[in-house]
Amino acid sequence: MDLSFKNVLVTGGAGYAGSLLCPQLLERGYTVTAYDTCWFGSEFLPHDHPNFKLIKGDIRDTAKLREALEGIECVVNLACVSNDASFELDENLSTTINLEAFEPMVLAAKAAGVKRFVYASSSSVYGVSEQPNVTEDHPLVPLTLYNKYKGMCEPLLKKHTDDNFVGVIFRPATLCGYAPRQRLDLSVNILTNHAVNNNKITVFGGDQMRPNLHVQDYCNAVELLMTAPAEKVQNETFNIGFQNMSIADLAVLVREVVEQEFPDKAPIDIVTTPSNDNRSYHINSDKVTRVLGFQPRFTIEDAIRDLCKAFKEGKLPDSMTDDRYFNVRTLKAKEAA
């Protein structure tokens, strides 16, 4: 395969999406360095691959990062304290990682001769919107510091781009599905875990609209942003999230699929309780299809089936109790936050 660059550094390479992306890039012929604190472990990474290297490091350690960037041509920046609840555990830690470390990282990448920088922002930057279709030019109305900092980093990347340093931003929807470093604290994954292992789904609120994205489509989108012609992606922002569903409808879909996959678990109850999480937005991802021809290949239903398969194969032991599947619980247990 003709790769315009070969050496890629993935910050957050031991995270939920990173754990699926790193092996995918190796398969495509890239040399991959994962740079991660490994708070959630690293045993699931492809350590035996000759073109893979893990550097256990913190993105706030600019000197170490600078060293890791030697010879790197493309950076995929996924590292962050992920999701609002984790963020709120220790706002100071989260501020240093999600905001203050960002510009020094961009500058270090540029100084190292990196040609392309792909930044994972978040579609949660839109906060609450009544608009039927939220496109990339919609004002950012963040409800939390996590959303706010994701949005604040975007112009910091654009500030430093030039003909030799291409920057592209994507705003993914909430991820779902199976990955080597599994998270079970994301809406579809939570609902599926509870349906399979608790015979009951609890819905908080229910009316909130949320866009979802299969974690494999996320990885495919990243690969496309790495390889797309510079003139199509330079300083561009792309929404990546194609299925917008209310939390209540997600619960119904999860129940349906889980009852098909595990007939003995039927009937599965759905219980609705009030929620203080009112983030609600319906994102439109036509731009990435129009400009780059990106089409999702997987659905929310595929994500639920993938998780059911992983449960059947015993890949997710102690899924209700093991802290490693839950960012907040792990950070608390490790006192990282």
C-alpha atoms as a PDB file:
ATOM      1  CA  MET A   1       0.000   0.000   0.000  1.00  0.00           C
ATOM      2  CA  ASP A   2       1.280   3.446  -0.834  1.00  0.00           C
ATOM      3  CA  LEU A   3       1.502   5.263   2.486  1.00  0.00           C
ATOM      4  CA  SER A   4       2.370   8.940   2.205  1.00  0.00           C
ATOM      5  CA  PHE A   5       3.883   8.542   5.640  1.00  0.00           C
ATOM      6  CA  LYS A   6       4.775   5.466   7.589  1.00  0.00           C
ATOM      7  CA  ASN A   7       5.518   6.461  11.186  1.00  0.00           C
ATOM      8  CA  VAL A   8       2.481   7.261  13.300  1.00  0.00           C
ATOM      9  CA  LEU A   9       2.212   8.217  16.959  1.00  0.00           C
ATOM     10  CA  VAL A  10      -1.154   7.644  18.652  1.00  0.00           C
ATOM     11  CA  THR A  11      -1.555   9.470  21.945  1.00  0.00           C
ATOM     12  CA  GLY A  12      -4.084   7.572  24.040  1.00  0.00           C
ATOM     13  CA  GLY A  13      -3.161   4.455  22.068  1.00  0.00           C
ATOM     14  CA  ALA A  14      -4.099   2.236  25.032  1.00  0.00           C
ATOM     15  CA  GLY A  15      -7.594   3.730  25.274  1.00  0.00           C
ATOM     16  CA  TYR A  16     -10.911   2.345  24.055  1.00  0.00           C
ATOM     17  CA  ALA A  17     -10.572   3.599  20.463  1.00  0.00           C
ATOM     18  CA  GLY A  18      -6.765   3.478  20.460  1.00  0.00           C
ATOM     19  CA  SER A  19      -6.724  -0.229  21.337  1.00  0.00           C
ATOM     20  CA  LEU A  20      -8.624  -0.950  18.127  1.00  0.00           C
ATOM     21  CA  LEU A  21      -6.889   1.682  15.980  1.00  0.00           C
ATOM     22  CA  CYS A  22      -3.282   0.623  16.708  1.00  0.00           C
ATOM     23  CA  PRO A  23      -3.642  -2.968  15.416  1.00  0.00           C
ATOM     24  CA  GLN A  24      -5.622  -1.681  12.416  1.00  0.00           C
ATOM     25  CA  LEU A  25      -2.818   0.720  11.434  1.00  0.00           C
ATOM     26  CA  LEU A  26      -0.193  -2.022  11.874  1.00  0.00           C
ATOM     27  CA  GLU A  27      -2.218  -4.230   9.549  1.00  0.00           C
ATOM     28  CA  ARG A  28      -2.196  -1.424   6.970  1.00  0.00           C
ATOM     29  CA  GLY A  29       1.606  -1.274   7.044  1.00  0.00           C
ATOM     30  CA  TYR A  30       2.264   1.638   9.383  1.00  0.00           C
ATOM     31  CA  THR A  31       4.892   1.701  12.106  1.00  0.00           C
ATOM     32  CA  VAL A  32       2.926   2.615  15.219  1.00  0.00           C
ATOM     33  CA  THR A  33       3.972   4.160  18.520  1.00  0.00           C
ATOM     34  CA  ALA A  34       1.322   4.300  21.232  1.00  0.00           C
ATOM     35  CA  TYR A  35       1.950   6.987  23.842  1.00  0.00           C
ATOM     36  CA  ASP A  36      -0.216   6.470  26.920  1.00  0.00           C
ATOM     37  CA  THR A  37      -0.202   6.651  30.726  1.00  0.00           C
ATOM     38  CA  CYS A  38      -1.666   3.107  30.716  1.00  0.00           C
ATOM     39  CA  TRP A  39      -3.997   3.845  33.635  1.00  0.00           C
ATOM     40  CA  PHE A  40      -6.247   1.135  32.211  1.00  0.00           C
ATOM     41  CA  GLY A  41      -3.486  -1.370  31.488  1.00  0.00           C
ATOM     42  CA  SER A  42      -1.795  -2.284  28.206  1.00  0.00           C
ATOM     43  CA  GLU A  43      -1.818  -6.093  28.051  1.00  0.00           C
ATOM     44  CA  PHE A  44      -4.401  -5.953  25.229  1.00  0.00           C
ATOM     45  CA  LEU A  45      -2.057  -4.055  22.868  1.00  0.00           C
ATOM     46  CA  PRO A  46      -0.214  -5.813  19.977  1.00  0.00           C
ATOM     47  CA  HIS A  47       3.143  -5.947  21.819  1.00  0.00           C
ATOM     48  CA  ASP A  48       4.419  -8.860  19.734  1.00  0.00           C
ATOM     49  CA  HIS A  49       4.173  -6.922  16.468  1.00  0.00           C
ATOM     50  CA  PRO A  50       7.625  -5.883  15.194  1.00  0.00           C
ATOM     51  CA  ASN A  51       6.365  -2.440  14.069  1.00  0.00           C
ATOM     52  CA  PHE A  52       4.657  -1.583  17.357  1.00  0.00           C
ATOM     53  CA  LYS A  53       6.090   0.316  20.292  1.00  0.00           C
ATOM     54  CA  LEU A  54       4.430   1.445  23.502  1.00  0.00           C
ATOM     55  CA  ILE A  55       5.820   4.444  25.354  1.00  0.00           C
ATOM     56  CA  LYS A  56       4.360   4.752  28.823  1.00  0.00           C
ATOM     57  CA  GLY A  57       4.152   8.504  29.193  1.00  0.00           C
ATOM     58  CA  ASP A  58       1.980  11.453  30.091  1.00  0.00           C
ATOM     59  CA  ILE A  59       1.189  14.067  27.431  1.00  0.00           C
ATOM     60  CA  ARG A  60       1.967  16.733  30.052  1.00  0.00           C
ATOM     61  CA  ASP A  61       5.581  15.529  30.037  1.00  0.00           C
ATOM     62  CA  THR A  62       6.617  17.566  27.003  1.00  0.00           C
ATOM     63  CA  ALA A  63      10.267  16.468  27.184  1.00  0.00           C
ATOM     64  CA  LYS A  64       9.306  12.791  27.022  1.00  0.00           C
ATOM     65  CA  LEU A  65       6.766  13.483  24.308  1.00  0.00           C
ATOM     66  CA  ARG A  66       9.381  15.379  22.293  1.00  0.00           C
ATOM     67  CA  GLU A  67      11.611  12.321  22.429  1.00  0.00           C
ATOM     68  CA  ALA A  68       8.718  10.056  21.382  1.00  0.00           C
ATOM     69  CA  LEU A  69       8.028  12.314  18.373  1.00  0.00           C
ATOM     70  CA  GLU A  70      11.468  11.798  16.798  1.00  0.00           C
ATOM     71  CA  GLY A  71      10.965  10.425  13.285  1.00  0.00           C
ATOM     72  CA  ILE A  72       7.159  10.594  13.548  1.00  0.00           C
ATOM     73  CA  GLU A  73       5.295  11.856  10.466  1.00  0.00           C
ATOM     74  CA  CYS A  74       1.685  11.756  11.678  1.00  0.00           C
ATOM     75  CA  VAL A  75       0.161  12.274  15.125  1.00  0.00           C
ATOM     76  CA  VAL A  76      -3.315  11.015  16.020  1.00  0.00           C
ATOM     77  CA  ASN A  77      -4.220  12.742  19.263  1.00  0.00           C
ATOM     78  CA  LEU A  78      -6.779  10.726  21.229  1.00  0.00           C
ATOM     79  CA  ALA A  79      -5.338  11.232  24.729  1.00  0.00           C
ATOM     80  CA  CYS A  80      -7.547  13.001  27.235  1.00  0.00           C
ATOM     81  CA  VAL A  81      -9.375  12.486  30.486  1.00  0.00           C
ATOM     82  CA  SER A  82     -12.412  11.089  28.762  1.00  0.00           C
ATOM     83  CA  ASN A  83     -16.013  11.953  29.571  1.00  0.00           C
ATOM     84  CA  ASP A  84     -17.586  14.467  31.924  1.00  0.00           C
ATOM     85  CA  ALA A  85     -17.786  12.303  35.022  1.00  0.00           C
ATOM     86  CA  SER A  86     -14.082  11.378  34.945  1.00  0.00           C
ATOM     87  CA  PHE A  87     -13.249  14.982  34.285  1.00  0.00           C
ATOM     88  CA  GLU A  88     -15.113  16.197  37.354  1.00  0.00           C
ATOM     89  CA  LEU A  89     -13.193  13.896  39.708  1.00  0.00           C
ATOM     90  CA  ASP A  90     -10.232  16.242  39.600  1.00  0.00           C
ATOM     91  CA  GLU A  91     -10.726  19.370  37.555  1.00  0.00           C
ATOM     92  CA  ASN A  92      -7.124  20.427  37.995  1.00  0.00           C
ATOM     93  CA  LEU A  93      -5.757  17.153  36.597  1.00  0.00           C
ATOM     94  CA  SER A  94      -8.285  17.311  33.763  1.00  0.00           C
ATOM     95  CA  THR A  95      -7.448  20.925  32.945  1.00  0.00           C
ATOM     96  CA  THR A  96      -3.735  20.179  32.736  1.00  0.00           C
ATOM     97  CA  ILE A  97      -4.293  17.153  30.468  1.00  0.00           C
ATOM     98  CA  ASN A  98      -7.204  18.262  28.283  1.00  0.00           C
ATOM     99  CA  LEU A  99      -6.288  21.909  27.808  1.00  0.00           C
ATOM    100  CA  GLU A 100      -2.878  23.007  29.042  1.00  0.00           C
ATOM    101  CA  ALA A 101      -0.929  20.092  27.540  1.00  0.00           C
ATOM    102  CA  PHE A 102      -2.482  20.515  24.098  1.00  0.00           C
ATOM    103  CA  GLU A 103      -0.664  23.478  22.577  1.00  0.00           C
ATOM    104  CA  PRO A 104       2.798  22.357  23.813  1.00  0.00           C
ATOM    105  CA  MET A 105       2.065  18.973  22.185  1.00  0.00           C
ATOM    106  CA  VAL A 106       1.115  20.628  18.878  1.00  0.00           C
ATOM    107  CA  LEU A 107       4.282  22.736  18.963  1.00  0.00           C
ATOM    108  CA  ALA A 108       6.447  19.709  19.821  1.00  0.00           C
ATOM    109  CA  ALA A 109       4.906  17.760  16.931  1.00  0.00           C
ATOM    110  CA  LYS A 110       5.515  20.626  14.516  1.00  0.00           C
ATOM    111  CA  ALA A 111       9.110  21.075  15.703  1.00  0.00           C
ATOM    112  CA  ALA A 112       9.714  17.347  15.240  1.00  0.00           C
ATOM    113  CA  GLY A 113       8.728  17.598  11.560  1.00  0.00           C
ATOM    114  CA  VAL A 114       5.339  15.897  11.878  1.00  0.00           C
ATOM    115  CA  LYS A 115       3.410  16.405   8.631  1.00  0.00           C
ATOM    116  CA  ARG A 116      -0.125  15.798   9.853  1.00  0.00           C
ATOM    117  CA  PHE A 117      -1.918  16.194  13.173  1.00  0.00           C
ATOM    118  CA  VAL A 118      -5.353  14.588  13.609  1.00  0.00           C
ATOM    119  CA  TYR A 119      -7.220  15.856  16.666  1.00  0.00           C
ATOM    120  CA  ALA A 120     -10.144  14.024  18.288  1.00  0.00           C
ATOM    121  CA  SER A 121     -12.489  16.703  19.602  1.00  0.00           C
ATOM    122  CA  SER A 122     -16.049  15.719  20.556  1.00  0.00           C
ATOM    123  CA  SER A 123     -19.569  16.250  19.274  1.00  0.00           C
ATOM    124  CA  SER A 124     -20.523  17.082  22.867  1.00  0.00           C
ATOM    125  CA  VAL A 125     -19.097  20.586  22.204  1.00  0.00           C
ATOM    126  CA  TYR A 126     -22.584  21.450  20.905  1.00  0.00           C
ATOM    127  CA  GLY A 127     -24.177  20.963  24.340  1.00  0.00           C
ATOM    128  CA  VAL A 128     -27.961  21.222  24.060  1.00  0.00           C
ATOM    129  CA  SER A 129     -29.386  22.172  20.708  1.00  0.00           C
ATOM    130  CA  GLU A 130     -32.947  22.224  19.475  1.00  0.00           C
ATOM    131  CA  GLN A 131     -31.778  22.341  15.863  1.00  0.00           C
ATOM    132  CA  PRO A 132     -32.859  19.322  13.841  1.00  0.00           C
ATOM    133  CA  ASN A 133     -29.407  19.094  12.246  1.00  0.00           C
ATOM    134  CA  VAL A 134     -26.293  20.358  13.989  1.00  0.00           C
ATOM    135  CA  THR A 135     -23.545  20.951  11.423  1.00  0.00           C
ATOM    136  CA  GLU A 136     -19.908  21.888  12.002  1.00  0.00           C
ATOM    137  CA  ASP A 137     -20.609  25.643  11.938  1.00  0.00           C
ATOM    138  CA  HIS A 138     -23.140  25.418  14.786  1.00  0.00           C
ATOM    139  CA  PRO A 139     -22.063  27.561  17.768  1.00  0.00           C
ATOM    140  CA  LEU A 140     -20.288  25.641  20.521  1.00  0.00           C
ATOM    141  CA  VAL A 141     -22.431  25.741  23.649  1.00  0.00           C
ATOM    142  CA  PRO A 142     -20.553  23.470  26.026  1.00  0.00           C
ATOM    143  CA  LEU A 143     -22.326  22.456  29.230  1.00  0.00           C
ATOM    144  CA  THR A 144     -19.238  21.152  31.008  1.00  0.00           C
ATOM    145  CA  LEU A 145     -15.517  21.878  31.191  1.00  0.00           C
ATOM    146  CA  TYR A 146     -14.827  18.628  29.292  1.00  0.00           C
ATOM    147  CA  ASN A 147     -16.873  19.889  26.316  1.00  0.00           C
ATOM    148  CA  LYS A 148     -15.504  23.402  26.703  1.00  0.00           C
ATOM    149  CA  TYR A 149     -11.824  22.382  26.618  1.00  0.00           C
ATOM    150  CA  LYS A 150     -12.373  20.057  23.651  1.00  0.00           C
ATOM    151  CA  GLY A 151     -13.676  23.085  21.753  1.00  0.00           C
ATOM    152  CA  MET A 152     -10.954  25.430  23.039  1.00  0.00           C
ATOM    153  CA  CYS A 153      -8.184  23.180  21.708  1.00  0.00           C
ATOM    154  CA  GLU A 154      -9.496  23.304  18.132  1.00  0.00           C
ATOM    155  CA  PRO A 155      -8.277  26.863  17.320  1.00  0.00           C
ATOM    156  CA  LEU A 156      -4.972  26.127  19.105  1.00  0.00           C
ATOM    157  CA  LEU A 157      -4.233  23.521  16.440  1.00  0.00           C
ATOM    158  CA  LYS A 158      -5.277  25.804  13.562  1.00  0.00           C
ATOM    159  CA  LYS A 159      -3.041  28.556  14.927  1.00  0.00           C
ATOM    160  CA  HIS A 160       0.070  26.506  14.093  1.00  0.00           C
ATOM    161  CA  THR A 161      -0.812  24.799  10.812  1.00  0.00           C
ATOM    162  CA  ASP A 162       1.007  25.688   7.590  1.00  0.00           C
ATOM    163  CA  ASP A 163       1.925  24.108   4.253  1.00  0.00           C
ATOM    164  CA  ASN A 164       4.202  21.592   5.971  1.00  0.00           C
ATOM    165  CA  PHE A 165       1.994  20.945   8.982  1.00  0.00           C
ATOM    166  CA  VAL A 166      -1.561  19.865   8.210  1.00  0.00           C
ATOM    167  CA  GLY A 167      -4.121  19.893  11.031  1.00  0.00           C
ATOM    168  CA  VAL A 168      -7.555  18.298  10.909  1.00  0.00           C
ATOM    169  CA  ILE A 169     -10.219  18.074  13.628  1.00  0.00           C
ATOM    170  CA  PHE A 170     -13.027  15.587  14.015  1.00  0.00           C
ATOM    171  CA  ARG A 171     -15.962  15.639  16.411  1.00  0.00           C
ATOM    172  CA  PRO A 172     -17.026  12.049  16.984  1.00  0.00           C
ATOM    173  CA  ALA A 173     -20.320  10.953  18.458  1.00  0.00           C
ATOM    174  CA  THR A 174     -20.517   8.731  21.552  1.00  0.00           C
ATOM    175  CA  LEU A 175     -18.758   5.472  20.744  1.00  0.00           C
ATOM    176  CA  CYS A 176     -20.213   2.006  21.100  1.00  0.00           C
ATOM    177  CA  GLY A 177     -19.195  -1.583  20.405  1.00  0.00           C
ATOM    178  CA  TYR A 178     -16.398  -3.948  21.332  1.00  0.00           C
ATOM    179  CA  ALA A 179     -12.693  -3.061  21.492  1.00  0.00           C
ATOM    180  CA  PRO A 180      -9.684  -4.718  23.155  1.00  0.00           C
ATOM    181  CA  ARG A 181      -9.718  -2.098  25.959  1.00  0.00           C
ATOM    182  CA  GLN A 182     -13.409  -2.219  26.628  1.00  0.00           C
ATOM    183  CA  ARG A 183     -15.410   0.638  28.121  1.00  0.00           C
ATOM    184  CA  LEU A 184     -18.803  -0.135  29.610  1.00  0.00           C
ATOM    185  CA  ASP A 185     -19.583   3.420  30.742  1.00  0.00           C
ATOM    186  CA  LEU A 186     -20.905   4.711  27.383  1.00  0.00           C
ATOM    187  CA  SER A 187     -24.638   4.760  26.660  1.00  0.00           C
ATOM    188  CA  VAL A 188     -25.106   1.797  24.271  1.00  0.00           C
ATOM    189  CA  ASN A 189     -22.455  -0.258  26.087  1.00  0.00           C
ATOM    190  CA  ILE A 190     -24.007   0.455  29.517  1.00  0.00           C
ATOM    191  CA  LEU A 191     -27.478  -0.538  28.316  1.00  0.00           C
ATOM    192  CA  THR A 192     -26.179  -3.737  26.694  1.00  0.00           C
ATOM    193  CA  ASN A 193     -24.172  -4.765  29.771  1.00  0.00           C
ATOM    194  CA  HIS A 194     -27.210  -4.299  32.002  1.00  0.00           C
ATOM    195  CA  ALA A 195     -29.545  -6.123  29.612  1.00  0.00           C
ATOM    196  CA  VAL A 196     -27.212  -9.132  29.380  1.00  0.00           C
ATOM    197  CA  ASN A 197     -26.084  -9.322  33.000  1.00  0.00           C
ATOM    198  CA  ASN A 198     -28.871  -7.711  34.986  1.00  0.00           C
ATOM    199  CA  ASN A 199     -31.941  -8.588  32.917  1.00  0.00           C
ATOM    200  CA  LYS A 200     -32.976  -5.002  33.377  1.00  0.00           C
ATOM    201  CA  ILE A 201     -32.200  -1.704  31.627  1.00  0.00           C
ATOM    202  CA  THR A 202     -32.428   1.530  33.559  1.00  0.00           C
ATOM    203  CA  VAL A 203     -32.907   4.611  31.408  1.00  0.00           C
ATOM    204  CA  PHE A 204     -31.986   7.979  32.887  1.00  0.00           C
ATOM    205  CA  GLY A 205     -34.290  10.544  31.327  1.00  0.00           C
ATOM    206  CA  GLY A 206     -34.876   9.087  27.896  1.00  0.00           C
ATOM    207  CA  ASP A 207     -35.822  12.014  25.703  1.00  0.00           C
ATOM    208  CA  GLN A 208     -32.245  13.219  25.166  1.00  0.00           C
ATOM    209  CA  MET A 209     -31.098  12.798  21.574  1.00  0.00           C
ATOM    210  CA  ARG A 210     -27.609  11.357  21.255  1.00  0.00           C
ATOM    211  CA  PRO A 211     -25.535  10.593  18.206  1.00  0.00           C
ATOM    212  CA  ASN A 212     -23.711   7.263  18.349  1.00  0.00           C
ATOM    213  CA  LEU A 213     -20.827   5.845  16.358  1.00  0.00           C
ATOM    214  CA  HIS A 214     -19.506   2.299  16.115  1.00  0.00           C
ATOM    215  CA  VAL A 215     -15.932   2.255  17.416  1.00  0.00           C
ATOM    216  CA  GLN A 216     -14.789   0.533  14.190  1.00  0.00           C
ATOM    217  CA  ASP A 217     -16.224   3.379  12.082  1.00  0.00           C
ATOM    218  CA  TYR A 218     -14.346   5.791  14.340  1.00  0.00           C
ATOM    219  CA  CYS A 219     -11.076   4.007  13.533  1.00  0.00           C
ATOM    220  CA  ASN A 220     -11.882   3.955   9.815  1.00  0.00           C
ATOM    221  CA  ALA A 221     -12.613   7.693   9.918  1.00  0.00           C
ATOM    222  CA  VAL A 222      -9.281   8.375  11.635  1.00  0.00           C
ATOM    223  CA  GLU A 223      -7.443   6.391   8.979  1.00  0.00           C
ATOM    224  CA  LEU A 224      -9.190   8.393   6.272  1.00  0.00           C
ATOM    225  CA  LEU A 225      -8.280  11.713   7.943  1.00  0.00           C
ATOM    226  CA  MET A 226      -4.658  10.556   8.095  1.00  0.00           C
ATOM    227  CA  THR A 227      -4.514   9.773   4.385  1.00  0.00           C
ATOM    228  CA  ALA A 228      -6.930  12.236   2.701  1.00  0.00           C
ATOM    229  CA  PRO A 229      -5.360  14.893   0.431  1.00  0.00           C
ATOM    230  CA  ALA A 230      -4.027  17.803   2.500  1.00  0.00           C
ATOM    231  CA  GLU A 231      -6.080  20.397   0.632  1.00  0.00           C
ATOM    232  CA  LYS A 232      -9.313  18.593   1.593  1.00  0.00           C
ATOM    233  CA  VAL A 233      -8.606  18.419   5.319  1.00  0.00           C
ATOM    234  CA  GLN A 234      -6.307  21.333   6.224  1.00  0.00           C
ATOM    235  CA  ASN A 235      -7.928  23.273   9.119  1.00  0.00           C
ATOM    236  CA  GLU A 236     -11.210  21.466   8.512  1.00  0.00           C
ATOM    237  CA  THR A 237     -13.590  20.124  11.150  1.00  0.00           C
ATOM    238  CA  PHE A 238     -15.741  17.061  10.551  1.00  0.00           C
ATOM    239  CA  ASN A 239     -18.671  15.668  12.519  1.00  0.00           C
ATOM    240  CA  ILE A 240     -18.522  11.869  12.653  1.00  0.00           C
ATOM    241  CA  GLY A 241     -21.793  10.445  13.940  1.00  0.00           C
ATOM    242  CA  PHE A 242     -24.536   9.095  11.761  1.00  0.00           C
ATOM    243  CA  GLN A 243     -27.185   7.530  13.961  1.00  0.00           C
ATOM    244  CA  ASN A 244     -29.012   9.943  16.238  1.00  0.00           C
ATOM    245  CA  MET A 245     -31.394   8.211  18.642  1.00  0.00           C
ATOM    246  CA  SER A 246     -33.062   9.098  21.900  1.00  0.00           C
ATOM    247  CA  ILE A 247     -31.827   7.227  24.963  1.00  0.00           C
ATOM    248  CA  ALA A 248     -35.308   5.660  25.305  1.00  0.00           C
ATOM    249  CA  ASP A 249     -35.191   4.317  21.725  1.00  0.00           C
ATOM    250  CA  LEU A 250     -31.675   2.985  22.306  1.00  0.00           C
ATOM    251  CA  ALA A 251     -32.965   1.011  25.279  1.00  0.00           C
ATOM    252  CA  VAL A 252     -35.718  -0.558  23.173  1.00  0.00           C
ATOM    253  CA  LEU A 253     -33.194  -1.504  20.450  1.00  0.00           C
ATOM    254  CA  VAL A 254     -30.815  -2.997  23.013  1.00  0.00           C
ATOM    255  CA  ARG A 255     -33.629  -5.056  24.570  1.00  0.00           C
ATOM    256  CA  GLU A 256     -34.678  -6.360  21.154  1.00  0.00           C
ATOM    257  CA  VAL A 257     -31.157  -7.427  20.113  1.00  0.00           C
ATOM    258  CA  VAL A 258     -30.210  -8.923  23.477  1.00  0.00           C
ATOM    259  CA  GLU A 259     -33.439 -10.936  23.617  1.00  0.00           C
ATOM    260  CA  GLN A 260     -32.594 -12.322  20.143  1.00  0.00           C
ATOM    261  CA  GLU A 261     -29.005 -13.153  21.129  1.00  0.00           C
ATOM    262  CA  PHE A 262     -29.907 -14.523  24.577  1.00  0.00           C
ATOM    263  CA  PRO A 263     -33.481 -15.881  24.275  1.00  0.00           C
ATOM    264  CA  ASP A 264     -33.365 -17.279  27.825  1.00  0.00           C
ATOM    265  CA  LYS A 265     -32.975 -13.741  29.205  1.00  0.00           C
ATOM    266  CA  ALA A 266     -36.320 -12.524  27.852  1.00  0.00           C
ATOM    267  CA  PRO A 267     -38.260 -10.608  28.958  1.00  0.00           C
ATOM    268  CA  ILE A 268     -35.856  -7.777  29.797  1.00  0.00           C
ATOM    269  CA  ASP A 269     -37.381  -4.912  31.773  1.00  0.00           C
ATOM    270  CA  ILE A 270     -36.865  -1.246  30.938  1.00  0.00           C
ATOM    271  CA  VAL A 271     -37.109   1.099  33.928  1.00  0.00           C
ATOM    272  CA  THR A 272     -37.109   4.879  33.396  1.00  0.00           C
ATOM    273  CA  THR A 273     -35.840   7.291  36.039  1.00  0.00           C
ATOM    274  CA  PRO A 274     -35.158  11.063  35.966  1.00  0.00           C
ATOM    275  CA  SER A 275     -31.744  12.331  34.817  1.00  0.00           C
ATOM    276  CA  ASN A 276     -29.698  15.442  35.461  1.00  0.00           C
ATOM    277  CA  ASP A 277     -27.744  14.868  32.240  1.00  0.00           C
ATOM    278  CA  ASN A 278     -29.617  16.925  29.675  1.00  0.00           C
ATOM    279  CA  ARG A 279     -27.041  16.960  26.853  1.00  0.00           C
ATOM    280  CA  SER A 280     -29.154  16.594  23.739  1.00  0.00           C
ATOM    281  CA  TYR A 281     -28.175  17.243  20.155  1.00  0.00           C
ATOM    282  CA  HIS A 282     -28.777  15.763  16.708  1.00  0.00           C
ATOM    283  CA  ILE A 283     -25.606  16.005  14.664  1.00  0.00           C
ATOM    284  CA  ASN A 284     -25.358  16.055  10.913  1.00  0.00           C
ATOM    285  CA  SER A 285     -22.350  14.358   9.308  1.00  0.00           C
ATOM    286  CA  ASP A 286     -23.054  15.084   5.631  1.00  0.00           C
ATOM    287  CA  LYS A 287     -19.825  17.081   5.278  1.00  0.00           C
ATOM    288  CA  VAL A 288     -17.437  14.151   5.811  1.00  0.00           C
ATOM    289  CA  THR A 289     -19.398  12.145   3.226  1.00  0.00           C
ATOM    290  CA  ARG A 290     -19.491  15.041   0.764  1.00  0.00           C
ATOM    291  CA  VAL A 291     -15.834  16.066   1.118  1.00  0.00           C
ATOM    292  CA  LEU A 292     -14.119  12.732   1.788  1.00  0.00           C
ATOM    293  CA  GLY A 293     -16.652  10.122   0.708  1.00  0.00           C
ATOM    294  CA  PHE A 294     -16.771   8.624   4.203  1.00  0.00           C
ATOM    295  CA  GLN A 295     -19.685   6.293   4.862  1.00  0.00           C
ATOM    296  CA  PRO A 296     -20.207   4.392   8.103  1.00  0.00           C
ATOM    297  CA  ARG A 297     -20.116   0.626   7.662  1.00  0.00           C
ATOM    298  CA  PHE A 298     -21.571  -0.380  11.029  1.00  0.00           C
ATOM    299  CA  THR A 299     -24.725   0.357  12.990  1.00  0.00           C
ATOM    300  CA  ILE A 300     -25.674   0.632  16.650  1.00  0.00           C
ATOM    301  CA  GLU A 301     -27.276  -2.798  16.231  1.00  0.00           C
ATOM    302  CA  ASP A 302     -23.911  -4.182  15.065  1.00  0.00           C
ATOM    303  CA  ALA A 303     -22.297  -2.699  18.181  1.00  0.00           C
ATOM    304  CA  ILE A 304     -24.850  -4.402  20.451  1.00  0.00           C
ATOM    305  CA  ARG A 305     -24.350  -7.743  18.654  1.00  0.00           C
ATOM    306  CA  ASP A 306     -20.550  -7.397  18.912  1.00  0.00           C
ATOM    307  CA  LEU A 307     -20.871  -6.871  22.659  1.00  0.00           C
ATOM    308  CA  CYS A 308     -23.238  -9.842  22.977  1.00  0.00           C
ATOM    309  CA  LYS A 309     -20.672 -11.982  21.138  1.00  0.00           C
ATOM    310  CA  ALA A 310     -17.906 -10.777  23.475  1.00  0.00           C
ATOM    311  CA  PHE A 311     -20.068 -11.684  26.505  1.00  0.00           C
ATOM    312  CA  LYS A 312     -20.784 -15.139  25.041  1.00  0.00           C
ATOM    313  CA  GLU A 313     -17.064 -15.709  24.432  1.00  0.00           C
ATOM    314  CA  GLY A 314     -16.179 -14.720  27.991  1.00  0.00           C
ATOM    315  CA  LYS A 315     -14.132 -11.715  26.860  1.00  0.00           C
ATOM    316  CA  LEU A 316     -15.749  -9.387  29.406  1.00  0.00           C
ATOM    317  CA  PRO A 317     -15.566 -11.156  32.779  1.00  0.00           C
ATOM    318  CA  ASP A 318     -16.998  -9.413  35.866  1.00  0.00           C
ATOM    319  CA  SER A 319     -18.462  -6.737  33.621  1.00  0.00           C
ATOM    320  CA  MET A 320     -20.685  -5.263  36.344  1.00  0.00           C
ATOM    321  CA  THR A 321     -18.018  -5.086  39.038  1.00  0.00           C
ATOM    322  CA  ASP A 322     -14.532  -4.788  37.512  1.00  0.00           C
ATOM    323  CA  ASP A 323     -13.324  -1.175  37.686  1.00  0.00           C
ATOM    324  CA  ARG A 324     -11.275  -1.481  34.501  1.00  0.00           C
ATOM    325  CA  TYR A 325     -14.361  -1.106  32.297  1.00  0.00           C
ATOM    326  CA  PHE A 326     -15.343   2.175  33.964  1.00  0.00           C
ATOM    327  CA  ASN A 327     -13.166   5.260  33.646  1.00  0.00           C
ATOM    328  CA  VAL A 328     -14.375   6.983  36.814  1.00  0.00           C
ATOM    329  CA  ARG A 329     -14.014   3.885  38.976  1.00  0.00           C
ATOM    330  CA  THR A 330     -10.501   3.163  37.673  1.00  0.00           C
ATOM    331  CA  LEU A 331      -9.312   6.719  38.186  1.00  0.00           C
ATOM    332  CA  LYS A 332     -10.695   6.706  41.723  1.00  0.00           C
ATOM    333  CA  ALA A 333      -9.173   3.317  42.511  1.00  0.00           C
ATOM    334  CA  LYS A 334      -5.775   4.371  41.178  1.00  0.00           C
ATOM    335  CA  GLU A 335      -6.071   7.777  42.792  1.00  0.00           C
ATOM    336  CA  ALA A 336      -4.895   9.189  39.485  1.00  0.00           C
ATOM    337  CA  ALA A 337      -7.576  11.773  40.094  1.00  0.00           C
END
